[in-house]
Amino acid sequence: MISSLRGRVLSASGSTLVIEVGGVGFRVNATPALVLASREGQELFVHTTLVVREDSLTVFGFATLDELEVFELLIGVTGVGPKSALGVLSVMSPEQVAVAVQRDDDAAFRKVSGIGPKTAKLIAVSLAGKLTVSPVTSTGSSIVGGGVADSVLAALTGLGWSERVAADALTETLEEASPVEASSVPTLLRLTLARLGPAQQTARAR
């Protein structure tokens, strides 16, 4: 089993990364947010899982362990394939998935392309009791101080930013983000990267 990869990004487009490790290029399926955050030529670390099918071996990569764990739970649900599971994590953070499951809110999963009402209900039922929701998250109040911010910070440091630079940019982004933007890992990551972009060379030199 390939549990993680660290190497140079050869290409990043759509929902696919190619990461060179020891002279071998690994094709990795990832969320659009992670692909967008990756830059050709830079070093990248991803948590991975290998999905084995009769006619294929496919690697899926994630910025955080939480995303990987939720992905593996999702593909264990009847009717949910790797593509649909990746679709869920492209629009929902692990924390949002956990809250939806806790509230038996299958409507949240029906918003994902390729997931119908029956499958959405199965996800909510099958994942019940398997995901941990923090007290802050479960009340429906701000989840920024918990998992979302932590996930974004972990993704940024995994992409090569120093923790101090990443934390400063994340804090500034949170101050300007709407509650909806601040509750989504993909959105918050994209906004923080946009802030870091103009100062990329200066920030990495610190």
N, C-alpha and C. Protein backbone atom coordinates (compact mmCIF):
# COMPACT_ATOMS: atom_id res chain seq x y z
N MET A 1 0.85 -1.20 0.00
CA MET A 1 0.00 0.00 0.00
C MET A 1 0.88 1.25 0.00
N ILE A 2 0.54 2.19 -0.85
CA ILE A 2 1.24 3.47 -0.89
C ILE A 2 0.50 4.42 0.05
N SER A 3 1.09 4.73 1.20
CA SER A 3 0.40 5.54 2.20
C SER A 3 0.73 7.03 2.11
N SER A 4 1.84 7.36 1.43
CA SER A 4 2.19 8.77 1.26
C SER A 4 3.23 8.91 0.16
N LEU A 5 3.32 10.12 -0.37
CA LEU A 5 4.32 10.42 -1.39
C LEU A 5 4.92 11.79 -1.11
N ARG A 6 6.20 11.91 -1.30
CA ARG A 6 6.85 13.21 -1.22
C ARG A 6 7.80 13.32 -2.41
N GLY A 7 7.59 14.35 -3.21
CA GLY A 7 8.44 14.49 -4.38
C GLY A 7 8.14 15.76 -5.14
N ARG A 8 8.77 15.90 -6.30
CA ARG A 8 8.62 17.10 -7.12
C ARG A 8 7.39 16.99 -8.01
N VAL A 9 6.63 18.06 -8.07
CA VAL A 9 5.43 18.09 -8.92
C VAL A 9 5.86 18.29 -10.38
N LEU A 10 5.52 17.31 -11.21
CA LEU A 10 5.85 17.40 -12.63
C LEU A 10 4.73 18.10 -13.41
N SER A 11 3.50 17.87 -12.97
CA SER A 11 2.36 18.54 -13.61
C SER A 11 1.19 18.59 -12.64
N ALA A 12 0.34 19.60 -12.82
CA ALA A 12 -0.84 19.77 -11.98
C ALA A 12 -1.94 20.40 -12.82
N SER A 13 -2.98 19.62 -13.09
CA SER A 13 -4.08 20.15 -13.90
C SER A 13 -5.35 19.36 -13.63
N GLY A 14 -6.48 20.06 -13.69
CA GLY A 14 -7.76 19.40 -13.46
C GLY A 14 -7.85 18.81 -12.08
N SER A 15 -7.95 17.50 -12.03
CA SER A 15 -7.99 16.81 -10.74
C SER A 15 -6.85 15.80 -10.64
N THR A 16 -5.75 16.10 -11.35
CA THR A 16 -4.63 15.16 -11.39
C THR A 16 -3.28 15.83 -11.16
N LEU A 17 -2.46 15.17 -10.36
CA LEU A 17 -1.08 15.58 -10.14
C LEU A 17 -0.16 14.47 -10.62
N VAL A 18 1.01 14.84 -11.09
CA VAL A 18 2.05 13.85 -11.35
C VAL A 18 3.22 14.24 -10.47
N ILE A 19 3.57 13.34 -9.53
CA ILE A 19 4.62 13.61 -8.56
C ILE A 19 5.78 12.65 -8.80
N GLU A 20 6.97 13.21 -8.98
CA GLU A 20 8.16 12.40 -9.22
C GLU A 20 8.81 12.01 -7.90
N VAL A 21 8.91 10.72 -7.67
CA VAL A 21 9.55 10.20 -6.47
C VAL A 21 10.61 9.19 -6.89
N GLY A 22 11.88 9.51 -6.63
CA GLY A 22 12.95 8.59 -6.98
C GLY A 22 13.03 8.29 -8.47
N GLY A 23 12.71 9.28 -9.27
CA GLY A 23 12.79 9.09 -10.71
C GLY A 23 11.54 8.48 -11.34
N VAL A 24 10.55 8.16 -10.52
CA VAL A 24 9.29 7.59 -11.01
C VAL A 24 8.17 8.61 -10.85
N GLY A 25 7.41 8.82 -11.91
CA GLY A 25 6.30 9.76 -11.84
C GLY A 25 5.01 9.06 -11.45
N PHE A 26 4.43 9.44 -10.32
CA PHE A 26 3.17 8.85 -9.85
C PHE A 26 2.00 9.76 -10.24
N ARG A 27 1.03 9.19 -10.92
CA ARG A 27 -0.19 9.93 -11.26
C ARG A 27 -1.13 9.86 -10.06
N VAL A 28 -1.47 11.01 -9.52
CA VAL A 28 -2.27 11.07 -8.29
C VAL A 28 -3.56 11.86 -8.54
N ASN A 29 -4.69 11.24 -8.24
CA ASN A 29 -5.97 11.94 -8.32
C ASN A 29 -6.17 12.72 -7.04
N ALA A 30 -6.56 13.99 -7.16
CA ALA A 30 -6.68 14.85 -5.98
C ALA A 30 -7.85 15.81 -6.14
N THR A 31 -8.15 16.52 -5.05
CA THR A 31 -9.22 17.51 -5.12
C THR A 31 -8.73 18.71 -5.93
N PRO A 32 -9.64 19.43 -6.57
CA PRO A 32 -9.24 20.61 -7.34
C PRO A 32 -8.47 21.62 -6.50
N ALA A 33 -8.81 21.74 -5.21
CA ALA A 33 -8.13 22.70 -4.33
C ALA A 33 -6.66 22.34 -4.17
N LEU A 34 -6.37 21.05 -4.01
CA LEU A 34 -4.98 20.63 -3.84
C LEU A 34 -4.20 20.79 -5.15
N VAL A 35 -4.85 20.47 -6.26
CA VAL A 35 -4.19 20.64 -7.56
C VAL A 35 -3.89 22.11 -7.80
N LEU A 36 -4.86 22.97 -7.49
CA LEU A 36 -4.68 24.41 -7.66
C LEU A 36 -3.54 24.93 -6.78
N ALA A 37 -3.40 24.34 -5.60
CA ALA A 37 -2.38 24.80 -4.66
C ALA A 37 -0.98 24.32 -5.03
N SER A 38 -0.90 23.33 -5.90
CA SER A 38 0.39 22.75 -6.27
C SER A 38 1.03 23.50 -7.43
N ARG A 39 2.34 23.58 -7.42
CA ARG A 39 3.08 24.28 -8.46
C ARG A 39 4.11 23.34 -9.07
N GLU A 40 4.19 23.34 -10.37
CA GLU A 40 5.17 22.50 -11.06
C GLU A 40 6.58 22.85 -10.60
N GLY A 41 7.35 21.84 -10.28
CA GLY A 41 8.73 22.04 -9.85
C GLY A 41 8.92 22.10 -8.36
N GLN A 42 7.84 22.34 -7.60
CA GLN A 42 7.99 22.41 -6.15
C GLN A 42 7.83 21.03 -5.52
N GLU A 43 8.32 20.89 -4.29
CA GLU A 43 8.16 19.63 -3.58
C GLU A 43 6.79 19.59 -2.92
N LEU A 44 6.18 18.42 -2.93
CA LEU A 44 4.84 18.27 -2.36
C LEU A 44 4.76 16.97 -1.57
N PHE A 45 4.08 17.02 -0.42
CA PHE A 45 3.82 15.81 0.37
C PHE A 45 2.32 15.57 0.38
N VAL A 46 1.90 14.35 0.09
CA VAL A 46 0.48 14.02 0.13
C VAL A 46 0.27 12.69 0.83
N HIS A 47 -0.84 12.59 1.55
CA HIS A 47 -1.27 11.33 2.13
C HIS A 47 -2.04 10.60 1.03
N THR A 48 -1.76 9.33 0.85
CA THR A 48 -2.35 8.63 -0.29
C THR A 48 -3.00 7.30 0.09
N THR A 49 -3.84 6.84 -0.82
CA THR A 49 -4.40 5.49 -0.74
C THR A 49 -4.43 4.93 -2.14
N LEU A 50 -4.22 3.64 -2.26
CA LEU A 50 -4.21 2.97 -3.56
C LEU A 50 -5.51 2.19 -3.72
N VAL A 51 -6.29 2.55 -4.72
CA VAL A 51 -7.55 1.87 -5.00
C VAL A 51 -7.31 0.84 -6.10
N VAL A 52 -7.55 -0.42 -5.77
CA VAL A 52 -7.28 -1.52 -6.69
C VAL A 52 -8.57 -2.00 -7.34
N ARG A 53 -8.58 -2.02 -8.67
CA ARG A 53 -9.69 -2.55 -9.43
C ARG A 53 -9.15 -3.62 -10.37
N GLU A 54 -10.03 -4.39 -10.97
CA GLU A 54 -9.59 -5.48 -11.84
C GLU A 54 -8.71 -4.97 -12.98
N ASP A 55 -9.05 -3.77 -13.47
CA ASP A 55 -8.33 -3.25 -14.64
C ASP A 55 -7.49 -2.01 -14.36
N SER A 56 -7.32 -1.66 -13.08
CA SER A 56 -6.56 -0.44 -12.79
C SER A 56 -6.04 -0.39 -11.36
N LEU A 57 -4.97 0.37 -11.18
CA LEU A 57 -4.42 0.70 -9.87
C LEU A 57 -4.37 2.23 -9.83
N THR A 58 -5.16 2.84 -8.97
CA THR A 58 -5.28 4.29 -8.97
C THR A 58 -4.89 4.87 -7.62
N VAL A 59 -4.02 5.87 -7.64
CA VAL A 59 -3.59 6.52 -6.41
C VAL A 59 -4.40 7.81 -6.20
N PHE A 60 -4.90 7.99 -5.00
CA PHE A 60 -5.61 9.21 -4.62
C PHE A 60 -4.82 9.89 -3.51
N GLY A 61 -4.62 11.20 -3.65
CA GLY A 61 -3.80 11.92 -2.68
C GLY A 61 -4.54 13.07 -2.01
N PHE A 62 -4.18 13.34 -0.76
CA PHE A 62 -4.87 14.36 0.03
C PHE A 62 -3.87 15.17 0.86
N ALA A 63 -4.26 16.41 1.13
CA ALA A 63 -3.39 17.30 1.90
C ALA A 63 -3.36 16.92 3.38
N THR A 64 -4.45 16.35 3.89
CA THR A 64 -4.52 16.03 5.31
C THR A 64 -4.97 14.59 5.54
N LEU A 65 -4.64 14.07 6.71
CA LEU A 65 -5.07 12.72 7.08
C LEU A 65 -6.58 12.65 7.24
N ASP A 66 -7.19 13.73 7.72
CA ASP A 66 -8.65 13.75 7.88
C ASP A 66 -9.35 13.51 6.55
N GLU A 67 -8.86 14.16 5.50
CA GLU A 67 -9.45 13.97 4.17
C GLU A 67 -9.29 12.53 3.71
N LEU A 68 -8.11 11.97 3.93
CA LEU A 68 -7.86 10.59 3.54
C LEU A 68 -8.79 9.63 4.27
N GLU A 69 -8.95 9.82 5.57
CA GLU A 69 -9.79 8.93 6.37
C GLU A 69 -11.25 9.02 5.94
N VAL A 70 -11.73 10.23 5.67
CA VAL A 70 -13.12 10.39 5.22
C VAL A 70 -13.30 9.74 3.84
N PHE A 71 -12.31 9.92 2.97
CA PHE A 71 -12.37 9.30 1.63
C PHE A 71 -12.51 7.79 1.75
N GLU A 72 -11.70 7.18 2.61
CA GLU A 72 -11.74 5.73 2.75
C GLU A 72 -13.05 5.25 3.35
N LEU A 73 -13.64 6.05 4.22
CA LEU A 73 -14.95 5.71 4.75
C LEU A 73 -16.03 5.82 3.67
N LEU A 74 -15.92 6.85 2.85
CA LEU A 74 -16.90 7.07 1.80
C LEU A 74 -16.91 5.95 0.77
N ILE A 75 -15.73 5.50 0.34
CA ILE A 75 -15.70 4.45 -0.68
C ILE A 75 -16.12 3.10 -0.12
N GLY A 76 -16.29 3.03 1.20
CA GLY A 76 -16.80 1.80 1.81
C GLY A 76 -18.31 1.75 1.82
N VAL A 77 -18.94 2.85 1.41
CA VAL A 77 -20.40 2.92 1.36
C VAL A 77 -20.89 2.37 0.02
N THR A 78 -21.87 1.52 0.05
CA THR A 78 -22.43 0.94 -1.18
C THR A 78 -22.88 2.04 -2.14
N GLY A 79 -22.40 1.95 -3.36
CA GLY A 79 -22.82 2.92 -4.37
C GLY A 79 -21.92 4.13 -4.49
N VAL A 80 -20.93 4.24 -3.60
CA VAL A 80 -20.01 5.38 -3.65
C VAL A 80 -18.65 4.91 -4.14
N GLY A 81 -18.28 5.34 -5.35
CA GLY A 81 -16.98 4.99 -5.90
C GLY A 81 -15.96 6.06 -5.57
N PRO A 82 -14.71 5.82 -5.92
CA PRO A 82 -13.64 6.80 -5.65
C PRO A 82 -13.93 8.18 -6.25
N LYS A 83 -14.49 8.22 -7.46
CA LYS A 83 -14.77 9.50 -8.11
C LYS A 83 -15.79 10.30 -7.32
N SER A 84 -16.85 9.62 -6.86
CA SER A 84 -17.88 10.31 -6.07
C SER A 84 -17.35 10.74 -4.72
N ALA A 85 -16.51 9.89 -4.10
CA ALA A 85 -15.93 10.23 -2.79
C ALA A 85 -15.04 11.46 -2.92
N LEU A 86 -14.27 11.50 -4.00
CA LEU A 86 -13.41 12.67 -4.22
C LEU A 86 -14.26 13.90 -4.49
N GLY A 87 -15.40 13.69 -5.14
CA GLY A 87 -16.34 14.80 -5.40
C GLY A 87 -16.87 15.40 -4.10
N VAL A 88 -17.15 14.53 -3.13
CA VAL A 88 -17.63 15.01 -1.83
C VAL A 88 -16.58 15.89 -1.17
N LEU A 89 -15.33 15.44 -1.18
CA LEU A 89 -14.25 16.19 -0.54
C LEU A 89 -13.82 17.40 -1.34
N SER A 90 -14.30 17.51 -2.56
CA SER A 90 -14.00 18.69 -3.37
C SER A 90 -14.90 19.86 -2.98
N VAL A 91 -16.04 19.55 -2.38
CA VAL A 91 -16.98 20.61 -2.01
C VAL A 91 -17.26 20.68 -0.51
N MET A 92 -16.83 19.66 0.25
CA MET A 92 -17.07 19.65 1.68
C MET A 92 -15.79 19.31 2.42
N SER A 93 -15.55 19.97 3.54
CA SER A 93 -14.41 19.63 4.39
C SER A 93 -14.77 18.39 5.21
N PRO A 94 -13.78 17.70 5.78
CA PRO A 94 -14.08 16.56 6.65
C PRO A 94 -15.02 16.94 7.79
N GLU A 95 -14.84 18.15 8.31
CA GLU A 95 -15.69 18.61 9.40
C GLU A 95 -17.14 18.77 8.93
N GLN A 96 -17.34 19.29 7.72
CA GLN A 96 -18.69 19.46 7.19
C GLN A 96 -19.35 18.11 6.92
N VAL A 97 -18.55 17.14 6.47
CA VAL A 97 -19.07 15.79 6.27
C VAL A 97 -19.53 15.22 7.61
N ALA A 98 -18.70 15.39 8.64
CA ALA A 98 -19.03 14.87 9.97
C ALA A 98 -20.30 15.49 10.52
N VAL A 99 -20.45 16.80 10.34
CA VAL A 99 -21.64 17.49 10.83
C VAL A 99 -22.88 17.01 10.08
N ALA A 100 -22.77 16.86 8.76
CA ALA A 100 -23.91 16.40 7.96
C ALA A 100 -24.34 15.01 8.40
N VAL A 101 -23.37 14.14 8.67
CA VAL A 101 -23.68 12.79 9.12
C VAL A 101 -24.33 12.82 10.49
N GLN A 102 -23.79 13.62 11.38
CA GLN A 102 -24.34 13.71 12.73
C GLN A 102 -25.79 14.18 12.72
N ARG A 103 -26.09 15.10 11.80
CA ARG A 103 -27.45 15.66 11.71
C ARG A 103 -28.36 14.87 10.77
N ASP A 104 -27.82 13.76 10.23
CA ASP A 104 -28.55 12.96 9.26
C ASP A 104 -29.04 13.83 8.10
N ASP A 105 -28.16 14.73 7.69
CA ASP A 105 -28.49 15.69 6.64
C ASP A 105 -28.03 15.16 5.28
N ASP A 106 -28.81 14.25 4.70
CA ASP A 106 -28.43 13.68 3.42
C ASP A 106 -28.52 14.69 2.28
N ALA A 107 -29.25 15.78 2.50
CA ALA A 107 -29.36 16.82 1.47
C ALA A 107 -28.00 17.41 1.13
N ALA A 108 -27.10 17.46 2.11
CA ALA A 108 -25.76 18.01 1.88
C ALA A 108 -25.00 17.18 0.85
N PHE A 109 -25.23 15.87 0.85
CA PHE A 109 -24.52 14.99 -0.09
C PHE A 109 -25.19 14.96 -1.46
N ARG A 110 -26.49 15.28 -1.49
CA ARG A 110 -27.18 15.29 -2.78
C ARG A 110 -26.70 16.43 -3.67
N LYS A 111 -26.03 17.41 -3.06
CA LYS A 111 -25.51 18.54 -3.83
C LYS A 111 -24.27 18.17 -4.64
N VAL A 112 -23.69 17.01 -4.31
CA VAL A 112 -22.48 16.57 -5.01
C VAL A 112 -22.86 15.89 -6.32
N SER A 113 -22.23 16.27 -7.39
CA SER A 113 -22.51 15.69 -8.70
C SER A 113 -22.29 14.18 -8.69
N GLY A 114 -23.27 13.43 -9.17
CA GLY A 114 -23.15 11.98 -9.25
C GLY A 114 -23.72 11.23 -8.07
N ILE A 115 -24.16 11.95 -7.05
CA ILE A 115 -24.73 11.29 -5.87
C ILE A 115 -26.23 11.57 -5.82
N GLY A 116 -27.03 10.52 -5.93
CA GLY A 116 -28.48 10.64 -5.91
C GLY A 116 -29.04 10.53 -4.51
N PRO A 117 -30.35 10.67 -4.37
CA PRO A 117 -31.00 10.64 -3.05
C PRO A 117 -30.74 9.36 -2.25
N LYS A 118 -30.82 8.21 -2.90
CA LYS A 118 -30.63 6.95 -2.18
C LYS A 118 -29.20 6.82 -1.67
N THR A 119 -28.24 7.15 -2.52
CA THR A 119 -26.83 7.06 -2.11
C THR A 119 -26.52 8.07 -1.02
N ALA A 120 -27.10 9.27 -1.13
CA ALA A 120 -26.87 10.30 -0.12
C ALA A 120 -27.37 9.83 1.24
N LYS A 121 -28.53 9.19 1.24
CA LYS A 121 -29.08 8.67 2.49
C LYS A 121 -28.21 7.55 3.04
N LEU A 122 -27.69 6.71 2.16
CA LEU A 122 -26.81 5.63 2.58
C LEU A 122 -25.55 6.16 3.23
N ILE A 123 -25.01 7.26 2.68
CA ILE A 123 -23.80 7.86 3.25
C ILE A 123 -24.07 8.30 4.68
N ALA A 124 -25.17 9.02 4.87
CA ALA A 124 -25.51 9.53 6.20
C ALA A 124 -25.71 8.40 7.20
N VAL A 125 -26.34 7.33 6.76
CA VAL A 125 -26.61 6.20 7.65
C VAL A 125 -25.35 5.37 7.91
N SER A 126 -24.60 5.08 6.85
CA SER A 126 -23.43 4.22 6.95
C SER A 126 -22.30 4.83 7.76
N LEU A 127 -22.16 6.17 7.70
CA LEU A 127 -21.06 6.84 8.39
C LEU A 127 -21.42 7.26 9.81
N ALA A 128 -22.67 7.03 10.20
CA ALA A 128 -23.10 7.42 11.55
C ALA A 128 -22.24 6.73 12.61
N GLY A 129 -21.69 7.52 13.52
CA GLY A 129 -20.87 6.99 14.60
C GLY A 129 -19.42 6.74 14.23
N LYS A 130 -19.07 6.98 12.97
CA LYS A 130 -17.70 6.72 12.52
C LYS A 130 -16.86 7.99 12.41
N LEU A 131 -17.48 9.14 12.55
CA LEU A 131 -16.77 10.41 12.43
C LEU A 131 -16.89 11.20 13.71
N THR A 132 -15.80 11.81 14.13
CA THR A 132 -15.79 12.60 15.35
C THR A 132 -16.08 14.06 15.03
N VAL A 133 -17.03 14.62 15.76
CA VAL A 133 -17.37 16.03 15.58
C VAL A 133 -16.99 16.77 16.86
N SER A 134 -16.20 17.83 16.72
CA SER A 134 -15.80 18.60 17.90
C SER A 134 -17.00 19.32 18.46
N PRO A 135 -17.01 19.64 19.77
CA PRO A 135 -18.13 20.36 20.36
C PRO A 135 -18.44 21.67 19.65
N VAL A 136 -17.41 22.38 19.21
CA VAL A 136 -17.64 23.65 18.53
C VAL A 136 -18.34 23.42 17.21
N THR A 137 -17.87 22.43 16.47
CA THR A 137 -18.46 22.15 15.16
C THR A 137 -19.89 21.69 15.29
N SER A 138 -20.18 20.83 16.27
CA SER A 138 -21.51 20.25 16.38
C SER A 138 -22.57 21.26 16.76
N THR A 139 -22.19 22.37 17.36
CA THR A 139 -23.19 23.36 17.73
C THR A 139 -23.61 24.21 16.55
N GLY A 140 -22.85 24.11 15.47
CA GLY A 140 -23.20 24.89 14.30
C GLY A 140 -22.57 26.26 14.32
N SER A 141 -21.80 26.57 15.35
CA SER A 141 -21.11 27.86 15.41
C SER A 141 -19.82 27.76 14.62
N SER A 142 -18.99 28.76 14.72
CA SER A 142 -17.78 28.81 13.90
C SER A 142 -16.91 27.57 14.10
N ILE A 143 -16.48 26.97 12.97
CA ILE A 143 -15.58 25.82 13.04
C ILE A 143 -14.19 26.22 12.60
N VAL A 144 -14.02 27.52 12.39
CA VAL A 144 -12.73 28.00 11.89
C VAL A 144 -11.61 27.74 12.88
N GLY A 145 -11.90 27.91 14.16
CA GLY A 145 -10.85 27.75 15.16
C GLY A 145 -10.43 26.31 15.34
N GLY A 146 -11.17 25.38 14.74
CA GLY A 146 -10.86 23.98 14.90
C GLY A 146 -10.27 23.37 13.65
N GLY A 147 -10.99 22.35 13.14
CA GLY A 147 -10.45 21.55 12.07
C GLY A 147 -10.18 22.24 10.75
N VAL A 148 -11.03 23.18 10.34
CA VAL A 148 -10.86 23.81 9.04
C VAL A 148 -9.54 24.57 8.97
N ALA A 149 -9.29 25.43 9.93
CA ALA A 149 -8.04 26.19 9.93
C ALA A 149 -6.84 25.27 10.06
N ASP A 150 -6.96 24.25 10.90
CA ASP A 150 -5.85 23.30 11.07
C ASP A 150 -5.56 22.56 9.77
N SER A 151 -6.63 22.19 9.05
CA SER A 151 -6.45 21.46 7.79
C SER A 151 -5.78 22.34 6.74
N VAL A 152 -6.19 23.61 6.69
CA VAL A 152 -5.59 24.53 5.72
C VAL A 152 -4.14 24.79 6.06
N LEU A 153 -3.84 24.98 7.35
CA LEU A 153 -2.47 25.22 7.77
C LEU A 153 -1.59 24.01 7.45
N ALA A 154 -2.12 22.81 7.68
CA ALA A 154 -1.36 21.60 7.38
C ALA A 154 -1.09 21.48 5.88
N ALA A 155 -2.09 21.86 5.08
CA ALA A 155 -1.93 21.81 3.62
C ALA A 155 -0.86 22.79 3.16
N LEU A 156 -0.86 23.97 3.73
CA LEU A 156 0.10 25.01 3.34
C LEU A 156 1.53 24.62 3.71
N THR A 157 1.70 24.08 4.91
CA THR A 157 3.05 23.67 5.31
C THR A 157 3.50 22.47 4.49
N GLY A 158 2.54 21.61 4.12
CA GLY A 158 2.87 20.47 3.28
C GLY A 158 3.29 20.90 1.88
N LEU A 159 2.82 22.09 1.47
CA LEU A 159 3.18 22.63 0.16
C LEU A 159 4.49 23.40 0.19
N GLY A 160 5.10 23.48 1.37
CA GLY A 160 6.42 24.09 1.45
C GLY A 160 6.50 25.43 2.14
N TRP A 161 5.38 26.01 2.54
CA TRP A 161 5.42 27.29 3.25
C TRP A 161 5.84 27.05 4.70
N SER A 162 6.54 28.01 5.27
CA SER A 162 6.90 27.89 6.68
C SER A 162 5.62 28.08 7.49
N GLU A 163 5.59 27.48 8.69
CA GLU A 163 4.38 27.56 9.51
C GLU A 163 4.04 29.00 9.86
N ARG A 164 5.07 29.82 10.13
CA ARG A 164 4.82 31.21 10.50
C ARG A 164 4.19 31.99 9.36
N VAL A 165 4.77 31.86 8.16
CA VAL A 165 4.25 32.57 7.00
C VAL A 165 2.83 32.10 6.69
N ALA A 166 2.62 30.78 6.72
CA ALA A 166 1.29 30.23 6.42
C ALA A 166 0.26 30.70 7.44
N ALA A 167 0.63 30.68 8.71
CA ALA A 167 -0.30 31.09 9.77
C ALA A 167 -0.67 32.56 9.66
N ASP A 168 0.32 33.40 9.35
CA ASP A 168 0.05 34.84 9.20
C ASP A 168 -0.93 35.08 8.04
N ALA A 169 -0.69 34.42 6.92
CA ALA A 169 -1.56 34.60 5.75
C ALA A 169 -2.95 34.06 6.03
N LEU A 170 -3.02 32.94 6.72
CA LEU A 170 -4.31 32.34 7.05
C LEU A 170 -5.11 33.25 7.98
N THR A 171 -4.44 33.82 8.96
CA THR A 171 -5.11 34.73 9.89
C THR A 171 -5.69 35.94 9.15
N GLU A 172 -4.91 36.51 8.24
CA GLU A 172 -5.38 37.66 7.47
C GLU A 172 -6.55 37.28 6.58
N THR A 173 -6.50 36.09 6.00
CA THR A 173 -7.59 35.62 5.15
C THR A 173 -8.87 35.43 5.95
N LEU A 174 -8.74 34.86 7.14
CA LEU A 174 -9.91 34.62 7.99
C LEU A 174 -10.59 35.92 8.40
N GLU A 175 -9.79 36.96 8.57
CA GLU A 175 -10.35 38.26 8.98
C GLU A 175 -11.25 38.85 7.90
N GLU A 176 -10.99 38.50 6.64
CA GLU A 176 -11.76 39.05 5.54
C GLU A 176 -12.78 38.08 4.96
N ALA A 177 -12.66 36.80 5.29
CA ALA A 177 -13.53 35.78 4.71
C ALA A 177 -14.93 35.81 5.32
N SER A 178 -15.91 35.44 4.53
CA SER A 178 -17.27 35.31 5.03
C SER A 178 -17.38 34.02 5.82
N PRO A 179 -18.41 33.84 6.65
CA PRO A 179 -18.57 32.60 7.41
C PRO A 179 -18.61 31.37 6.51
N VAL A 180 -19.24 31.49 5.35
CA VAL A 180 -19.33 30.36 4.42
C VAL A 180 -17.94 30.02 3.89
N GLU A 181 -17.18 31.03 3.49
CA GLU A 181 -15.82 30.81 2.97
C GLU A 181 -14.93 30.21 4.04
N ALA A 182 -15.07 30.70 5.27
CA ALA A 182 -14.21 30.25 6.36
C ALA A 182 -14.54 28.84 6.83
N SER A 183 -15.68 28.30 6.44
CA SER A 183 -16.07 26.96 6.87
C SER A 183 -15.71 25.88 5.87
N SER A 184 -15.10 26.27 4.76
CA SER A 184 -14.75 25.31 3.71
C SER A 184 -13.23 25.24 3.52
N VAL A 185 -12.66 24.05 3.69
CA VAL A 185 -11.22 23.89 3.51
C VAL A 185 -10.77 24.26 2.10
N PRO A 186 -11.44 23.75 1.04
CA PRO A 186 -11.00 24.10 -0.32
C PRO A 186 -11.04 25.61 -0.58
N THR A 187 -12.13 26.26 -0.15
CA THR A 187 -12.28 27.69 -0.39
C THR A 187 -11.25 28.50 0.40
N LEU A 188 -11.10 28.16 1.68
CA LEU A 188 -10.15 28.89 2.53
C LEU A 188 -8.72 28.68 2.05
N LEU A 189 -8.42 27.49 1.58
CA LEU A 189 -7.08 27.21 1.05
C LEU A 189 -6.83 28.04 -0.20
N ARG A 190 -7.81 28.10 -1.08
CA ARG A 190 -7.67 28.88 -2.32
C ARG A 190 -7.47 30.36 -2.02
N LEU A 191 -8.24 30.90 -1.09
CA LEU A 191 -8.13 32.32 -0.75
C LEU A 191 -6.78 32.64 -0.10
N THR A 192 -6.31 31.74 0.75
CA THR A 192 -5.03 31.96 1.42
C THR A 192 -3.88 31.88 0.42
N LEU A 193 -3.97 30.95 -0.50
CA LEU A 193 -2.94 30.83 -1.53
C LEU A 193 -2.91 32.07 -2.42
N ALA A 194 -4.09 32.63 -2.69
CA ALA A 194 -4.14 33.84 -3.51
C ALA A 194 -3.44 34.99 -2.79
N ARG A 195 -3.57 35.01 -1.47
CA ARG A 195 -2.90 36.04 -0.67
C ARG A 195 -1.39 35.80 -0.64
N LEU A 196 -0.99 34.57 -0.55
CA LEU A 196 0.43 34.24 -0.50
C LEU A 196 1.12 34.43 -1.85
N GLY A 197 0.38 34.23 -2.92
CA GLY A 197 0.94 34.26 -4.26
C GLY A 197 1.83 35.44 -4.58
N PRO A 198 1.33 36.68 -4.43
CA PRO A 198 2.12 37.85 -4.78
C PRO A 198 3.43 37.95 -4.00
N ALA A 199 3.43 37.39 -2.79
CA ALA A 199 4.63 37.50 -1.93
C ALA A 199 5.37 36.16 -1.85
N GLN A 200 5.15 35.33 -2.85
CA GLN A 200 5.69 33.98 -2.81
C GLN A 200 7.19 33.93 -2.56
N GLN A 201 7.94 34.65 -3.35
CA GLN A 201 9.40 34.59 -3.22
C GLN A 201 9.88 35.13 -1.88
N THR A 202 9.29 36.25 -1.44
CA THR A 202 9.69 36.85 -0.17
C THR A 202 9.37 35.94 1.00
N ALA A 203 8.14 35.36 0.95
CA ALA A 203 7.69 34.54 2.05
C ALA A 203 8.54 33.29 2.20
N ARG A 204 8.88 32.67 1.10
CA ARG A 204 9.63 31.41 1.19
C ARG A 204 11.07 31.65 1.59
N ALA A 205 11.51 32.87 1.46
CA ALA A 205 12.89 33.18 1.81
C ALA A 205 13.06 33.42 3.30
N ARG A 206 11.92 33.58 3.99
CA ARG A 206 12.03 33.89 5.42
C ARG A 206 12.50 32.68 6.23
